[in-house]
């Protein structure tokens, strides 16, 4: 359904329904967590952490060491928030794994007008839609990642 009067939507919101079938090959709980992670923990924490594995009630999160230390202190509240989102007590413990690469969302530069114009030129044949917006954002992100 088309949204009227709304501004651009985050790429993660647009990609989540498309990625769910790919994630379905993984355990359903971790697939749901990965797709909904920004909505569960908020954009700030989602930019610094990634759910990696769920086994025997232990959720493994990839993050930097400093973030892991913060999360250890707020672990019970985070577990409660995740379980509330899942609708059951699936998570009993958190485990942290060192993430050596910064998440792409934090590593991208602000944006170059020339890149945006080049991406828009490649999308000329597509009508204005959520898909076009998502593809434009993806194109800018890919180009910016190649420049790093």
C-alpha atoms as a PDB file:
ATOM      1  CA  UNK A   1       0.000   0.000   0.000  1.00  0.00           C
ATOM      2  CA  UNK A   2       1.394   3.420  -0.901  1.00  0.00           C
ATOM      3  CA  UNK A   3       2.055   5.851   1.900  1.00  0.00           C
ATOM      4  CA  UNK A   4       0.948   9.402   1.311  1.00  0.00           C
ATOM      5  CA  UNK A   5       2.488  12.452   2.862  1.00  0.00           C
ATOM      6  CA  UNK A   6       5.322  10.496   4.450  1.00  0.00           C
ATOM      7  CA  UNK A   7       8.996  11.160   3.942  1.00  0.00           C
ATOM      8  CA  UNK A   8      11.691   8.671   3.055  1.00  0.00           C
ATOM      9  CA  UNK A   9      11.754   5.437   5.002  1.00  0.00           C
ATOM     10  CA  UNK A  10      14.898   3.773   6.406  1.00  0.00           C
ATOM     11  CA  UNK A  11      16.379   1.128   4.135  1.00  0.00           C
ATOM     12  CA  UNK A  12      16.184  -1.484   6.900  1.00  0.00           C
ATOM     13  CA  UNK A  13      12.418  -1.083   7.088  1.00  0.00           C
ATOM     14  CA  UNK A  14      12.113  -1.660   3.342  1.00  0.00           C
ATOM     15  CA  UNK A  15      14.501  -4.606   3.226  1.00  0.00           C
ATOM     16  CA  UNK A  16      13.144  -6.531   6.236  1.00  0.00           C
ATOM     17  CA  UNK A  17      10.169  -8.071   4.353  1.00  0.00           C
ATOM     18  CA  UNK A  18      12.459  -8.994   1.454  1.00  0.00           C
ATOM     19  CA  UNK A  19      15.085 -10.574   3.698  1.00  0.00           C
ATOM     20  CA  UNK A  20      12.731 -12.653   5.830  1.00  0.00           C
ATOM     21  CA  UNK A  21      12.617 -15.553   3.297  1.00  0.00           C
ATOM     22  CA  UNK A  22      16.423 -15.657   3.168  1.00  0.00           C
ATOM     23  CA  UNK A  23      16.633 -15.639   6.943  1.00  0.00           C
ATOM     24  CA  UNK A  24      14.030 -18.398   7.180  1.00  0.00           C
ATOM     25  CA  UNK A  25      16.750 -20.977   6.545  1.00  0.00           C
ATOM     26  CA  UNK A  26      18.211 -19.986   9.894  1.00  0.00           C
ATOM     27  CA  UNK A  27      16.491 -20.587  13.225  1.00  0.00           C
ATOM     28  CA  UNK A  28      13.215 -18.633  13.194  1.00  0.00           C
ATOM     29  CA  UNK A  29      14.018 -16.691  16.371  1.00  0.00           C
ATOM     30  CA  UNK A  30      17.437 -15.458  15.186  1.00  0.00           C
ATOM     31  CA  UNK A  31      15.997 -14.636  11.753  1.00  0.00           C
ATOM     32  CA  UNK A  32      13.285 -12.546  13.384  1.00  0.00           C
ATOM     33  CA  UNK A  33      15.844 -10.889  15.672  1.00  0.00           C
ATOM     34  CA  UNK A  34      18.157 -10.038  12.779  1.00  0.00           C
ATOM     35  CA  UNK A  35      15.336  -8.552  10.698  1.00  0.00           C
ATOM     36  CA  UNK A  36      13.799  -6.574  13.578  1.00  0.00           C
ATOM     37  CA  UNK A  37      16.980  -5.708  15.494  1.00  0.00           C
ATOM     38  CA  UNK A  38      16.794  -1.874  15.054  1.00  0.00           C
ATOM     39  CA  UNK A  39      13.161  -1.871  16.209  1.00  0.00           C
ATOM     40  CA  UNK A  40      14.020  -3.997  19.245  1.00  0.00           C
ATOM     41  CA  UNK A  41      17.097  -2.190  20.561  1.00  0.00           C
ATOM     42  CA  UNK A  42      16.864   1.205  18.866  1.00  0.00           C
ATOM     43  CA  UNK A  43      18.988   2.703  16.085  1.00  0.00           C
ATOM     44  CA  UNK A  44      21.951   3.659  18.303  1.00  0.00           C
ATOM     45  CA  UNK A  45      22.473   0.180  19.727  1.00  0.00           C
ATOM     46  CA  UNK A  46      21.598  -1.520  16.422  1.00  0.00           C
ATOM     47  CA  UNK A  47      24.424   0.426  14.750  1.00  0.00           C
ATOM     48  CA  UNK A  48      26.881  -1.051  17.267  1.00  0.00           C
ATOM     49  CA  UNK A  49      25.625  -4.629  17.671  1.00  0.00           C
ATOM     50  CA  UNK A  50      24.467  -7.541  15.535  1.00  0.00           C
ATOM     51  CA  UNK A  51      22.692 -10.709  16.712  1.00  0.00           C
ATOM     52  CA  UNK A  52      24.757 -13.669  15.497  1.00  0.00           C
ATOM     53  CA  UNK A  53      23.517 -16.894  17.082  1.00  0.00           C
ATOM     54  CA  UNK A  54      20.832 -18.211  19.376  1.00  0.00           C
ATOM     55  CA  UNK A  55      21.439 -21.592  20.978  1.00  0.00           C
ATOM     56  CA  UNK A  56      20.115 -23.090  24.212  1.00  0.00           C
ATOM     57  CA  UNK A  57      18.755 -19.749  25.396  1.00  0.00           C
ATOM     58  CA  UNK A  58      22.039 -17.880  24.842  1.00  0.00           C
ATOM     59  CA  UNK A  59      22.041 -15.023  22.345  1.00  0.00           C
ATOM     60  CA  UNK A  60      25.456 -14.182  20.913  1.00  0.00           C
ATOM     61  CA  UNK A  61      25.867 -10.526  19.968  1.00  0.00           C
ATOM     62  CA  UNK A  62      28.738  -9.242  17.837  1.00  0.00           C
ATOM     63  CA  UNK A  63      29.964  -5.884  19.124  1.00  0.00           C
ATOM     64  CA  UNK A  64      33.045  -3.899  20.093  1.00  0.00           C
ATOM     65  CA  UNK A  65      34.581  -4.499  23.518  1.00  0.00           C
ATOM     66  CA  UNK A  66      33.419  -1.186  24.976  1.00  0.00           C
ATOM     67  CA  UNK A  67      29.838  -1.838  23.899  1.00  0.00           C
ATOM     68  CA  UNK A  68      29.962  -5.332  25.399  1.00  0.00           C
ATOM     69  CA  UNK A  69      30.937  -3.858  28.747  1.00  0.00           C
ATOM     70  CA  UNK A  70      27.975  -1.452  28.597  1.00  0.00           C
ATOM     71  CA  UNK A  71      25.607  -4.247  27.623  1.00  0.00           C
ATOM     72  CA  UNK A  72      26.739  -6.468  30.478  1.00  0.00           C
ATOM     73  CA  UNK A  73      25.433  -3.855  32.904  1.00  0.00           C
ATOM     74  CA  UNK A  74      22.101  -3.472  31.102  1.00  0.00           C
ATOM     75  CA  UNK A  75      21.825  -7.156  30.146  1.00  0.00           C
ATOM     76  CA  UNK A  76      18.678  -8.053  32.112  1.00  0.00           C
ATOM     77  CA  UNK A  77      16.749  -5.107  30.644  1.00  0.00           C
ATOM     78  CA  UNK A  78      17.949  -5.987  27.133  1.00  0.00           C
ATOM     79  CA  UNK A  79      16.958  -9.639  27.577  1.00  0.00           C
ATOM     80  CA  UNK A  80      13.514  -8.567  28.763  1.00  0.00           C
ATOM     81  CA  UNK A  81      13.089  -6.233  25.761  1.00  0.00           C
ATOM     82  CA  UNK A  82      14.114  -8.981  23.300  1.00  0.00           C
ATOM     83  CA  UNK A  83      11.844 -11.590  24.919  1.00  0.00           C
ATOM     84  CA  UNK A  84       8.938  -9.129  24.901  1.00  0.00           C
ATOM     85  CA  UNK A  85       9.448  -8.591  21.173  1.00  0.00           C
ATOM     86  CA  UNK A  86       9.627 -12.335  20.511  1.00  0.00           C
ATOM     87  CA  UNK A  87       6.553 -12.983  22.654  1.00  0.00           C
ATOM     88  CA  UNK A  88       8.222 -15.700  24.721  1.00  0.00           C
ATOM     89  CA  UNK A  89      11.207 -16.280  27.003  1.00  0.00           C
ATOM     90  CA  UNK A  90      13.642 -17.430  24.317  1.00  0.00           C
ATOM     91  CA  UNK A  91      16.682 -15.555  25.664  1.00  0.00           C
ATOM     92  CA  UNK A  92      18.137 -16.460  29.068  1.00  0.00           C
ATOM     93  CA  UNK A  93      21.711 -15.175  28.699  1.00  0.00           C
ATOM     94  CA  UNK A  94      23.750 -12.844  26.511  1.00  0.00           C
ATOM     95  CA  UNK A  95      27.168 -13.697  25.145  1.00  0.00           C
ATOM     96  CA  UNK A  96      29.379 -11.168  23.402  1.00  0.00           C
ATOM     97  CA  UNK A  97      31.680 -11.813  20.465  1.00  0.00           C
ATOM     98  CA  UNK A  98      34.317  -9.364  19.312  1.00  0.00           C
ATOM     99  CA  UNK A  99      33.293  -7.605  16.108  1.00  0.00           C
ATOM    100  CA  UNK A 100      36.420  -6.327  14.376  1.00  0.00           C
ATOM    101  CA  UNK A 101      34.675  -4.501  11.539  1.00  0.00           C
ATOM    102  CA  UNK A 102      32.564  -1.426  12.300  1.00  0.00           C
ATOM    103  CA  UNK A 103      28.969  -1.709  11.084  1.00  0.00           C
ATOM    104  CA  UNK A 104      28.421  -0.193   7.647  1.00  0.00           C
ATOM    105  CA  UNK A 105      25.833   2.278   8.928  1.00  0.00           C
ATOM    106  CA  UNK A 106      28.430   4.001  11.134  1.00  0.00           C
ATOM    107  CA  UNK A 107      31.258   3.842   8.598  1.00  0.00           C
ATOM    108  CA  UNK A 108      29.546   5.587   5.686  1.00  0.00           C
ATOM    109  CA  UNK A 109      30.330   9.245   4.969  1.00  0.00           C
ATOM    110  CA  UNK A 110      27.554  11.841   5.003  1.00  0.00           C
ATOM    111  CA  UNK A 111      26.874  11.801   1.271  1.00  0.00           C
ATOM    112  CA  UNK A 112      28.215  13.318  -1.911  1.00  0.00           C
ATOM    113  CA  UNK A 113      25.748  15.191  -4.175  1.00  0.00           C
ATOM    114  CA  UNK A 114      27.606  13.931  -7.267  1.00  0.00           C
ATOM    115  CA  UNK A 115      27.119  10.321  -6.147  1.00  0.00           C
ATOM    116  CA  UNK A 116      23.439  10.935  -5.444  1.00  0.00           C
ATOM    117  CA  UNK A 117      22.990  12.469  -8.910  1.00  0.00           C
ATOM    118  CA  UNK A 118      24.771   9.538 -10.586  1.00  0.00           C
ATOM    119  CA  UNK A 119      22.629   7.005  -8.729  1.00  0.00           C
ATOM    120  CA  UNK A 120      19.428   8.895  -9.591  1.00  0.00           C
ATOM    121  CA  UNK A 121      20.467   8.965 -13.265  1.00  0.00           C
ATOM    122  CA  UNK A 122      20.764   5.158 -13.245  1.00  0.00           C
ATOM    123  CA  UNK A 123      17.235   4.882 -11.808  1.00  0.00           C
ATOM    124  CA  UNK A 124      15.563   7.165 -14.362  1.00  0.00           C
ATOM    125  CA  UNK A 125      13.414   4.405 -15.833  1.00  0.00           C
ATOM    126  CA  UNK A 126      11.789   3.502 -12.507  1.00  0.00           C
ATOM    127  CA  UNK A 127       8.655   5.252 -11.267  1.00  0.00           C
ATOM    128  CA  UNK A 128       8.785   7.068  -7.933  1.00  0.00           C
ATOM    129  CA  UNK A 129       8.099   4.404  -5.292  1.00  0.00           C
ATOM    130  CA  UNK A 130       9.429   2.850  -2.124  1.00  0.00           C
ATOM    131  CA  UNK A 131      11.454   0.439  -4.261  1.00  0.00           C
ATOM    132  CA  UNK A 132      13.132   3.302  -6.118  1.00  0.00           C
ATOM    133  CA  UNK A 133      13.969   5.014  -2.813  1.00  0.00           C
ATOM    134  CA  UNK A 134      15.407   1.800  -1.420  1.00  0.00           C
ATOM    135  CA  UNK A 135      17.489   1.191  -4.542  1.00  0.00           C
ATOM    136  CA  UNK A 136      18.790   4.766  -4.494  1.00  0.00           C
ATOM    137  CA  UNK A 137      19.847   4.424  -0.845  1.00  0.00           C
ATOM    138  CA  UNK A 138      21.477   1.075  -1.575  1.00  0.00           C
ATOM    139  CA  UNK A 139      23.345   2.517  -4.583  1.00  0.00           C
ATOM    140  CA  UNK A 140      24.675   5.433  -2.532  1.00  0.00           C
ATOM    141  CA  UNK A 141      25.760   3.073   0.267  1.00  0.00           C
ATOM    142  CA  UNK A 142      27.537   0.713  -2.125  1.00  0.00           C
ATOM    143  CA  UNK A 143      29.345   3.574  -3.849  1.00  0.00           C
ATOM    144  CA  UNK A 144      30.381   5.118  -0.528  1.00  0.00           C
ATOM    145  CA  UNK A 145      31.598   1.737   0.785  1.00  0.00           C
ATOM    146  CA  UNK A 146      33.749   1.319  -2.331  1.00  0.00           C
ATOM    147  CA  UNK A 147      35.373   4.675  -1.661  1.00  0.00           C
ATOM    148  CA  UNK A 148      36.534   3.704   1.852  1.00  0.00           C
END
